[in-house]
Amino acid sequence: MGKALKRFVTRTVVLLVAVVAAYVGWRWGGAVFPRVEAKLGIGEGVVAEPQVTAETAALVTERIREFQASDEPELRLESAEVSSLLRYAAPGIVPAGVLDPGVSFNGDRMEIRARVVPGGIADLSQLGAVAAILPDTVDVVVEGSLGLFGDAQPMLLVEGIELQGWPVPAAAVPEILAAFRRGAPPGMPASAVPVPAVGGLKGTHIENGKLVVVRAQ
């Protein structure tokens, strides 16, 4: 049962990391965002304090497109803007079984939250009696930071994982992440997960509570 539970934890973390990989939707560009714009349109003006809404997702979509077409060196996004993209502008990208994904930035750190539906996890049947006591959805929190390993490899440095309010022991985090570290460059910390590189970007990091997207020079 212990191994099955570990696989279950691993799968939930992998799903959340996949959500992080969609942090600004850059990779999918027009293949995803027009669906939001066609439904909502881009409104006039800018909301001073963005909320997690479909309207915010549409506004941020336009900001990203303007950034792509400009010579600006960086783009800064707030927590609500990134969360709005994940919830409303990434259909088919956020994995099935992940509900209400969101991120919050504090200083140079980030917190990823989502509800995961255990019924959508293939390993659930191997949990035996544990499966019977799991709720319909499991609250998952991943804490960490974004950065570069070396000069070019974006990574998510995982500092903590919680399932249903219970912290996963720190010593277990590297083992949980191991399955998602295939292709990681030598020397990358065991608690770090490579984030797919995106053409035209040098990388991303979190600064003063915002996600900073840096253009390649």
C-alpha atoms as a PDB file:
ATOM      1  CA  MET A   1       0.000   0.000   0.000  1.00  0.00           C
ATOM      2  CA  GLY A   2       2.910   2.343   0.745  1.00  0.00           C
ATOM      3  CA  LYS A   3       4.201   2.160  -2.819  1.00  0.00           C
ATOM      4  CA  ALA A   4       0.743   2.745  -4.245  1.00  0.00           C
ATOM      5  CA  LEU A   5       0.228   5.771  -2.033  1.00  0.00           C
ATOM      6  CA  LYS A   6       3.593   7.134  -3.161  1.00  0.00           C
ATOM      7  CA  ARG A   7       2.531   6.704  -6.789  1.00  0.00           C
ATOM      8  CA  PHE A   8      -0.692   8.539  -6.028  1.00  0.00           C
ATOM      9  CA  VAL A   9       1.239  11.442  -4.469  1.00  0.00           C
ATOM     10  CA  THR A  10       3.650  11.463  -7.412  1.00  0.00           C
ATOM     11  CA  ARG A  11       0.812  11.641  -9.915  1.00  0.00           C
ATOM     12  CA  THR A  12      -0.819  14.588  -8.162  1.00  0.00           C
ATOM     13  CA  VAL A  13       2.475  16.484  -8.109  1.00  0.00           C
ATOM     14  CA  VAL A  14       3.098  15.715 -11.783  1.00  0.00           C
ATOM     15  CA  LEU A  15      -0.349  17.087 -12.623  1.00  0.00           C
ATOM     16  CA  LEU A  16       0.387  20.297 -10.740  1.00  0.00           C
ATOM     17  CA  VAL A  17       3.780  20.680 -12.386  1.00  0.00           C
ATOM     18  CA  ALA A  18       2.027  20.312 -15.735  1.00  0.00           C
ATOM     19  CA  VAL A  19      -0.206  23.198 -14.692  1.00  0.00           C
ATOM     20  CA  VAL A  20       2.865  25.283 -13.875  1.00  0.00           C
ATOM     21  CA  ALA A  21       4.314  24.518 -17.297  1.00  0.00           C
ATOM     22  CA  ALA A  22       1.309  26.368 -18.746  1.00  0.00           C
ATOM     23  CA  TYR A  23       2.063  29.420 -16.599  1.00  0.00           C
ATOM     24  CA  VAL A  24       1.526  32.041 -19.290  1.00  0.00           C
ATOM     25  CA  GLY A  25       0.225  29.957 -22.182  1.00  0.00           C
ATOM     26  CA  TRP A  26       3.151  31.172 -24.281  1.00  0.00           C
ATOM     27  CA  ARG A  27       3.747  27.814 -25.954  1.00  0.00           C
ATOM     28  CA  TRP A  28       0.195  27.543 -27.260  1.00  0.00           C
ATOM     29  CA  GLY A  29      -0.321  31.117 -28.446  1.00  0.00           C
ATOM     30  CA  GLY A  30      -3.199  31.524 -30.847  1.00  0.00           C
ATOM     31  CA  ALA A  31      -4.169  27.852 -30.651  1.00  0.00           C
ATOM     32  CA  VAL A  32      -5.719  28.441 -27.240  1.00  0.00           C
ATOM     33  CA  PHE A  33      -6.342  32.114 -26.583  1.00  0.00           C
ATOM     34  CA  PRO A  34      -8.758  32.922 -29.463  1.00  0.00           C
ATOM     35  CA  ARG A  35     -11.359  30.702 -27.798  1.00  0.00           C
ATOM     36  CA  VAL A  36     -11.449  33.038 -24.831  1.00  0.00           C
ATOM     37  CA  GLU A  37     -11.447  36.190 -26.934  1.00  0.00           C
ATOM     38  CA  ALA A  38     -14.170  34.948 -29.252  1.00  0.00           C
ATOM     39  CA  LYS A  39     -16.410  34.262 -26.297  1.00  0.00           C
ATOM     40  CA  LEU A  40     -15.670  37.351 -24.235  1.00  0.00           C
ATOM     41  CA  GLY A  41     -13.970  39.947 -26.395  1.00  0.00           C
ATOM     42  CA  ILE A  42     -11.198  42.166 -25.054  1.00  0.00           C
ATOM     43  CA  GLY A  43     -12.615  44.896 -22.872  1.00  0.00           C
ATOM     44  CA  GLU A  44     -11.477  48.510 -22.778  1.00  0.00           C
ATOM     45  CA  GLY A  45      -9.324  49.691 -19.893  1.00  0.00           C
ATOM     46  CA  VAL A  46      -7.349  47.767 -17.300  1.00  0.00           C
ATOM     47  CA  VAL A  47      -8.553  46.484 -13.951  1.00  0.00           C
ATOM     48  CA  ALA A  48      -6.381  47.952 -11.202  1.00  0.00           C
ATOM     49  CA  GLU A  49      -6.468  44.813  -9.081  1.00  0.00           C
ATOM     50  CA  PRO A  50      -7.099  41.771 -11.277  1.00  0.00           C
ATOM     51  CA  GLN A  51      -9.486  39.099 -10.075  1.00  0.00           C
ATOM     52  CA  VAL A  52      -9.494  35.446 -11.130  1.00  0.00           C
ATOM     53  CA  THR A  53     -12.070  35.683 -13.923  1.00  0.00           C
ATOM     54  CA  ALA A  54     -12.480  34.853 -17.599  1.00  0.00           C
ATOM     55  CA  GLU A  55     -12.388  38.568 -18.340  1.00  0.00           C
ATOM     56  CA  THR A  56      -8.974  38.837 -16.684  1.00  0.00           C
ATOM     57  CA  ALA A  57      -7.760  35.884 -18.768  1.00  0.00           C
ATOM     58  CA  ALA A  58      -8.824  37.679 -21.950  1.00  0.00           C
ATOM     59  CA  LEU A  59      -7.077  40.899 -20.917  1.00  0.00           C
ATOM     60  CA  VAL A  60      -3.864  39.062 -20.036  1.00  0.00           C
ATOM     61  CA  THR A  61      -4.034  37.215 -23.342  1.00  0.00           C
ATOM     62  CA  GLU A  62      -3.855  40.564 -25.103  1.00  0.00           C
ATOM     63  CA  ARG A  63      -0.971  41.687 -22.878  1.00  0.00           C
ATOM     64  CA  ILE A  64       0.989  38.571 -23.793  1.00  0.00           C
ATOM     65  CA  ARG A  65       0.385  39.095 -27.494  1.00  0.00           C
ATOM     66  CA  GLU A  66       1.497  42.719 -27.248  1.00  0.00           C
ATOM     67  CA  PHE A  67       4.620  41.606 -25.415  1.00  0.00           C
ATOM     68  CA  GLN A  68       5.396  39.024 -28.080  1.00  0.00           C
ATOM     69  CA  ALA A  69       5.133  41.692 -30.769  1.00  0.00           C
ATOM     70  CA  SER A  70       7.153  44.298 -28.867  1.00  0.00           C
ATOM     71  CA  ASP A  71      10.792  44.797 -27.932  1.00  0.00           C
ATOM     72  CA  GLU A  72      10.078  44.990 -24.211  1.00  0.00           C
ATOM     73  CA  PRO A  73      12.631  42.945 -22.222  1.00  0.00           C
ATOM     74  CA  GLU A  74      10.153  41.493 -19.739  1.00  0.00           C
ATOM     75  CA  LEU A  75       6.508  41.022 -18.830  1.00  0.00           C
ATOM     76  CA  ARG A  76       5.238  41.015 -15.247  1.00  0.00           C
ATOM     77  CA  LEU A  77       2.086  39.119 -14.297  1.00  0.00           C
ATOM     78  CA  GLU A  78       0.201  39.065 -11.022  1.00  0.00           C
ATOM     79  CA  SER A  79      -1.105  35.975  -9.250  1.00  0.00           C
ATOM     80  CA  ALA A  80      -4.692  36.556 -10.336  1.00  0.00           C
ATOM     81  CA  GLU A  81      -3.625  37.020 -13.959  1.00  0.00           C
ATOM     82  CA  VAL A  82      -1.730  33.728 -14.094  1.00  0.00           C
ATOM     83  CA  SER A  83      -4.509  31.912 -12.213  1.00  0.00           C
ATOM     84  CA  SER A  84      -7.072  33.305 -14.674  1.00  0.00           C
ATOM     85  CA  LEU A  85      -5.055  31.983 -17.618  1.00  0.00           C
ATOM     86  CA  LEU A  86      -4.838  28.541 -16.052  1.00  0.00           C
ATOM     87  CA  ARG A  87      -8.554  28.336 -15.309  1.00  0.00           C
ATOM     88  CA  TYR A  88     -10.076  29.996 -18.347  1.00  0.00           C
ATOM     89  CA  ALA A  89      -7.553  30.183 -21.199  1.00  0.00           C
ATOM     90  CA  ALA A  90      -5.983  26.743 -21.237  1.00  0.00           C
ATOM     91  CA  PRO A  91      -8.694  24.210 -22.186  1.00  0.00           C
ATOM     92  CA  GLY A  92      -7.172  20.818 -22.822  1.00  0.00           C
ATOM     93  CA  ILE A  93      -3.842  21.833 -21.291  1.00  0.00           C
ATOM     94  CA  VAL A  94      -4.704  21.663 -17.614  1.00  0.00           C
ATOM     95  CA  PRO A  95      -4.867  17.883 -17.032  1.00  0.00           C
ATOM     96  CA  ALA A  96      -8.166  16.131 -16.423  1.00  0.00           C
ATOM     97  CA  GLY A  97      -8.799  15.658 -12.740  1.00  0.00           C
ATOM     98  CA  VAL A  98      -7.279  19.012 -11.750  1.00  0.00           C
ATOM     99  CA  LEU A  99      -9.905  21.499 -10.564  1.00  0.00           C
ATOM    100  CA  ASP A 100      -9.592  25.209  -9.792  1.00  0.00           C
ATOM    101  CA  PRO A 101      -5.824  25.514 -10.316  1.00  0.00           C
ATOM    102  CA  GLY A 102      -4.336  28.713  -9.044  1.00  0.00           C
ATOM    103  CA  VAL A 103      -1.065  30.290  -8.047  1.00  0.00           C
ATOM    104  CA  SER A 104      -0.074  32.969  -5.589  1.00  0.00           C
ATOM    105  CA  PHE A 105       3.211  34.845  -5.487  1.00  0.00           C
ATOM    106  CA  ASN A 106       4.829  36.201  -2.351  1.00  0.00           C
ATOM    107  CA  GLY A 107       8.210  37.855  -2.636  1.00  0.00           C
ATOM    108  CA  ASP A 108      10.241  35.424  -4.741  1.00  0.00           C
ATOM    109  CA  ARG A 109       8.197  32.342  -3.873  1.00  0.00           C
ATOM    110  CA  MET A 110       5.089  30.769  -5.333  1.00  0.00           C
ATOM    111  CA  GLU A 111       2.317  28.541  -4.088  1.00  0.00           C
ATOM    112  CA  ILE A 112       0.384  26.318  -6.477  1.00  0.00           C
ATOM    113  CA  ARG A 113      -3.025  25.138  -5.338  1.00  0.00           C
ATOM    114  CA  ALA A 114      -5.528  22.817  -6.931  1.00  0.00           C
ATOM    115  CA  ARG A 115      -8.147  20.246  -6.114  1.00  0.00           C
ATOM    116  CA  VAL A 116      -7.378  16.808  -7.535  1.00  0.00           C
ATOM    117  CA  VAL A 117     -10.115  14.227  -8.179  1.00  0.00           C
ATOM    118  CA  PRO A 118      -8.771  10.883  -6.901  1.00  0.00           C
ATOM    119  CA  GLY A 119     -11.214   9.001  -9.112  1.00  0.00           C
ATOM    120  CA  GLY A 120      -9.266  10.208 -12.122  1.00  0.00           C
ATOM    121  CA  ILE A 121      -5.996   8.704 -10.873  1.00  0.00           C
ATOM    122  CA  ALA A 122      -5.256   5.259 -12.295  1.00  0.00           C
ATOM    123  CA  ASP A 123      -3.343   4.124  -9.201  1.00  0.00           C
ATOM    124  CA  LEU A 124      -6.288   4.742  -6.866  1.00  0.00           C
ATOM    125  CA  SER A 125      -7.487   1.136  -6.957  1.00  0.00           C
ATOM    126  CA  GLN A 126      -4.122  -0.002  -5.580  1.00  0.00           C
ATOM    127  CA  LEU A 127      -4.534   2.033  -2.404  1.00  0.00           C
ATOM    128  CA  GLY A 128      -6.773  -0.582  -0.840  1.00  0.00           C
ATOM    129  CA  ALA A 129      -8.528   0.660   2.299  1.00  0.00           C
ATOM    130  CA  VAL A 130      -7.021   4.129   1.840  1.00  0.00           C
ATOM    131  CA  ALA A 131      -9.211   4.657  -1.232  1.00  0.00           C
ATOM    132  CA  ALA A 132     -12.345   4.333   0.872  1.00  0.00           C
ATOM    133  CA  ILE A 133     -11.389   7.203   3.181  1.00  0.00           C
ATOM    134  CA  LEU A 134     -10.172   9.645   0.534  1.00  0.00           C
ATOM    135  CA  PRO A 135     -12.588  12.529  -0.103  1.00  0.00           C
ATOM    136  CA  ASP A 136     -14.064  13.148  -3.533  1.00  0.00           C
ATOM    137  CA  THR A 137     -11.400  15.780  -4.081  1.00  0.00           C
ATOM    138  CA  VAL A 138      -7.988  16.206  -2.477  1.00  0.00           C
ATOM    139  CA  ASP A 139      -6.567  19.658  -1.817  1.00  0.00           C
ATOM    140  CA  VAL A 140      -2.982  19.796  -3.052  1.00  0.00           C
ATOM    141  CA  VAL A 141      -0.496  22.587  -2.406  1.00  0.00           C
ATOM    142  CA  VAL A 142       2.996  22.810  -3.887  1.00  0.00           C
ATOM    143  CA  GLU A 143       5.315  25.534  -2.602  1.00  0.00           C
ATOM    144  CA  GLY A 144       8.484  26.602  -4.346  1.00  0.00           C
ATOM    145  CA  SER A 145      10.135  29.055  -6.682  1.00  0.00           C
ATOM    146  CA  LEU A 146      10.924  29.424 -10.357  1.00  0.00           C
ATOM    147  CA  GLY A 147      14.431  29.986 -11.595  1.00  0.00           C
ATOM    148  CA  LEU A 148      17.155  29.042 -14.016  1.00  0.00           C
ATOM    149  CA  PHE A 149      19.592  26.192 -13.640  1.00  0.00           C
ATOM    150  CA  GLY A 150      22.749  27.278 -15.403  1.00  0.00           C
ATOM    151  CA  ASP A 151      22.153  29.775 -18.167  1.00  0.00           C
ATOM    152  CA  ALA A 152      19.133  28.375 -19.943  1.00  0.00           C
ATOM    153  CA  GLN A 153      17.178  25.609 -18.131  1.00  0.00           C
ATOM    154  CA  PRO A 154      14.016  26.844 -16.369  1.00  0.00           C
ATOM    155  CA  MET A 155      13.175  24.866 -13.251  1.00  0.00           C
ATOM    156  CA  LEU A 156      10.614  24.674 -10.488  1.00  0.00           C
ATOM    157  CA  LEU A 157      12.370  24.291  -7.145  1.00  0.00           C
ATOM    158  CA  VAL A 158       9.862  22.492  -4.907  1.00  0.00           C
ATOM    159  CA  GLU A 159      10.150  23.465  -1.246  1.00  0.00           C
ATOM    160  CA  GLY A 160       7.085  21.729   0.141  1.00  0.00           C
ATOM    161  CA  ILE A 161       4.043  19.630  -0.720  1.00  0.00           C
ATOM    162  CA  GLU A 162       0.792  19.341   1.206  1.00  0.00           C
ATOM    163  CA  LEU A 163      -2.042  16.894   0.640  1.00  0.00           C
ATOM    164  CA  GLN A 164      -5.343  17.669   2.336  1.00  0.00           C
ATOM    165  CA  GLY A 165      -3.514  19.972   4.747  1.00  0.00           C
ATOM    166  CA  TRP A 166      -0.889  17.379   5.712  1.00  0.00           C
ATOM    167  CA  PRO A 167       2.740  18.138   4.793  1.00  0.00           C
ATOM    168  CA  VAL A 168       4.664  15.508   2.867  1.00  0.00           C
ATOM    169  CA  PRO A 169       7.977  14.841   4.704  1.00  0.00           C
ATOM    170  CA  ALA A 170      10.773  16.901   3.147  1.00  0.00           C
ATOM    171  CA  ALA A 171      12.939  13.818   2.771  1.00  0.00           C
ATOM    172  CA  ALA A 172      10.292  12.239   0.541  1.00  0.00           C
ATOM    173  CA  VAL A 173       9.987  15.169  -1.899  1.00  0.00           C
ATOM    174  CA  PRO A 174      13.004  14.279  -4.115  1.00  0.00           C
ATOM    175  CA  GLU A 175      11.810  10.684  -4.449  1.00  0.00           C
ATOM    176  CA  ILE A 176       8.303  11.831  -5.346  1.00  0.00           C
ATOM    177  CA  LEU A 177       9.688  14.161  -8.008  1.00  0.00           C
ATOM    178  CA  ALA A 178      12.109  11.610  -9.464  1.00  0.00           C
ATOM    179  CA  ALA A 179       9.657  10.312 -12.072  1.00  0.00           C
ATOM    180  CA  PHE A 180       9.272  13.798 -13.515  1.00  0.00           C
ATOM    181  CA  ARG A 181      12.993  14.590 -13.623  1.00  0.00           C
ATOM    182  CA  ARG A 182      13.827  12.558 -16.710  1.00  0.00           C
ATOM    183  CA  GLY A 183      16.127  14.641 -18.848  1.00  0.00           C
ATOM    184  CA  ALA A 184      17.150  16.883 -15.959  1.00  0.00           C
ATOM    185  CA  PRO A 185      20.701  18.192 -16.496  1.00  0.00           C
ATOM    186  CA  PRO A 186      23.436  16.822 -14.229  1.00  0.00           C
ATOM    187  CA  GLY A 187      23.760  18.756 -11.003  1.00  0.00           C
ATOM    188  CA  MET A 188      20.182  20.056 -10.885  1.00  0.00           C
ATOM    189  CA  PRO A 189      18.927  19.880  -7.263  1.00  0.00           C
ATOM    190  CA  ALA A 190      16.972  16.729  -6.452  1.00  0.00           C
ATOM    191  CA  SER A 191      14.011  18.832  -5.333  1.00  0.00           C
ATOM    192  CA  ALA A 192      13.855  20.694  -8.669  1.00  0.00           C
ATOM    193  CA  VAL A 193      11.805  19.804 -11.739  1.00  0.00           C
ATOM    194  CA  PRO A 194      12.772  21.010 -15.238  1.00  0.00           C
ATOM    195  CA  VAL A 195      10.168  23.304 -16.788  1.00  0.00           C
ATOM    196  CA  PRO A 196       9.917  23.020 -20.598  1.00  0.00           C
ATOM    197  CA  ALA A 197      11.910  25.778 -22.260  1.00  0.00           C
ATOM    198  CA  VAL A 198       9.915  28.133 -24.481  1.00  0.00           C
ATOM    199  CA  GLY A 199      11.313  29.593 -27.670  1.00  0.00           C
ATOM    200  CA  GLY A 200      11.968  33.322 -27.452  1.00  0.00           C
ATOM    201  CA  LEU A 201      12.200  33.338 -23.667  1.00  0.00           C
ATOM    202  CA  LYS A 202      15.293  33.386 -21.509  1.00  0.00           C
ATOM    203  CA  GLY A 203      13.286  32.199 -18.542  1.00  0.00           C
ATOM    204  CA  THR A 204      10.944  33.198 -15.744  1.00  0.00           C
ATOM    205  CA  HIS A 205      11.336  34.078 -12.108  1.00  0.00           C
ATOM    206  CA  ILE A 206       9.273  35.538  -9.298  1.00  0.00           C
ATOM    207  CA  GLU A 207      10.134  38.984  -8.001  1.00  0.00           C
ATOM    208  CA  ASN A 208       8.218  41.262  -5.614  1.00  0.00           C
ATOM    209  CA  GLY A 209       5.168  39.022  -5.788  1.00  0.00           C
ATOM    210  CA  LYS A 210       4.926  38.895  -9.584  1.00  0.00           C
ATOM    211  CA  LEU A 211       5.841  36.398 -12.283  1.00  0.00           C
ATOM    212  CA  VAL A 212       8.542  37.946 -14.460  1.00  0.00           C
ATOM    213  CA  VAL A 213       8.785  36.589 -18.016  1.00  0.00           C
ATOM    214  CA  VAL A 214      12.167  37.522 -19.529  1.00  0.00           C
ATOM    215  CA  ARG A 215      12.735  37.748 -23.254  1.00  0.00           C
ATOM    216  CA  ALA A 216      15.790  36.069 -24.751  1.00  0.00           C
ATOM    217  CA  GLN A 217      18.471  38.545 -25.787  1.00  0.00           C
END
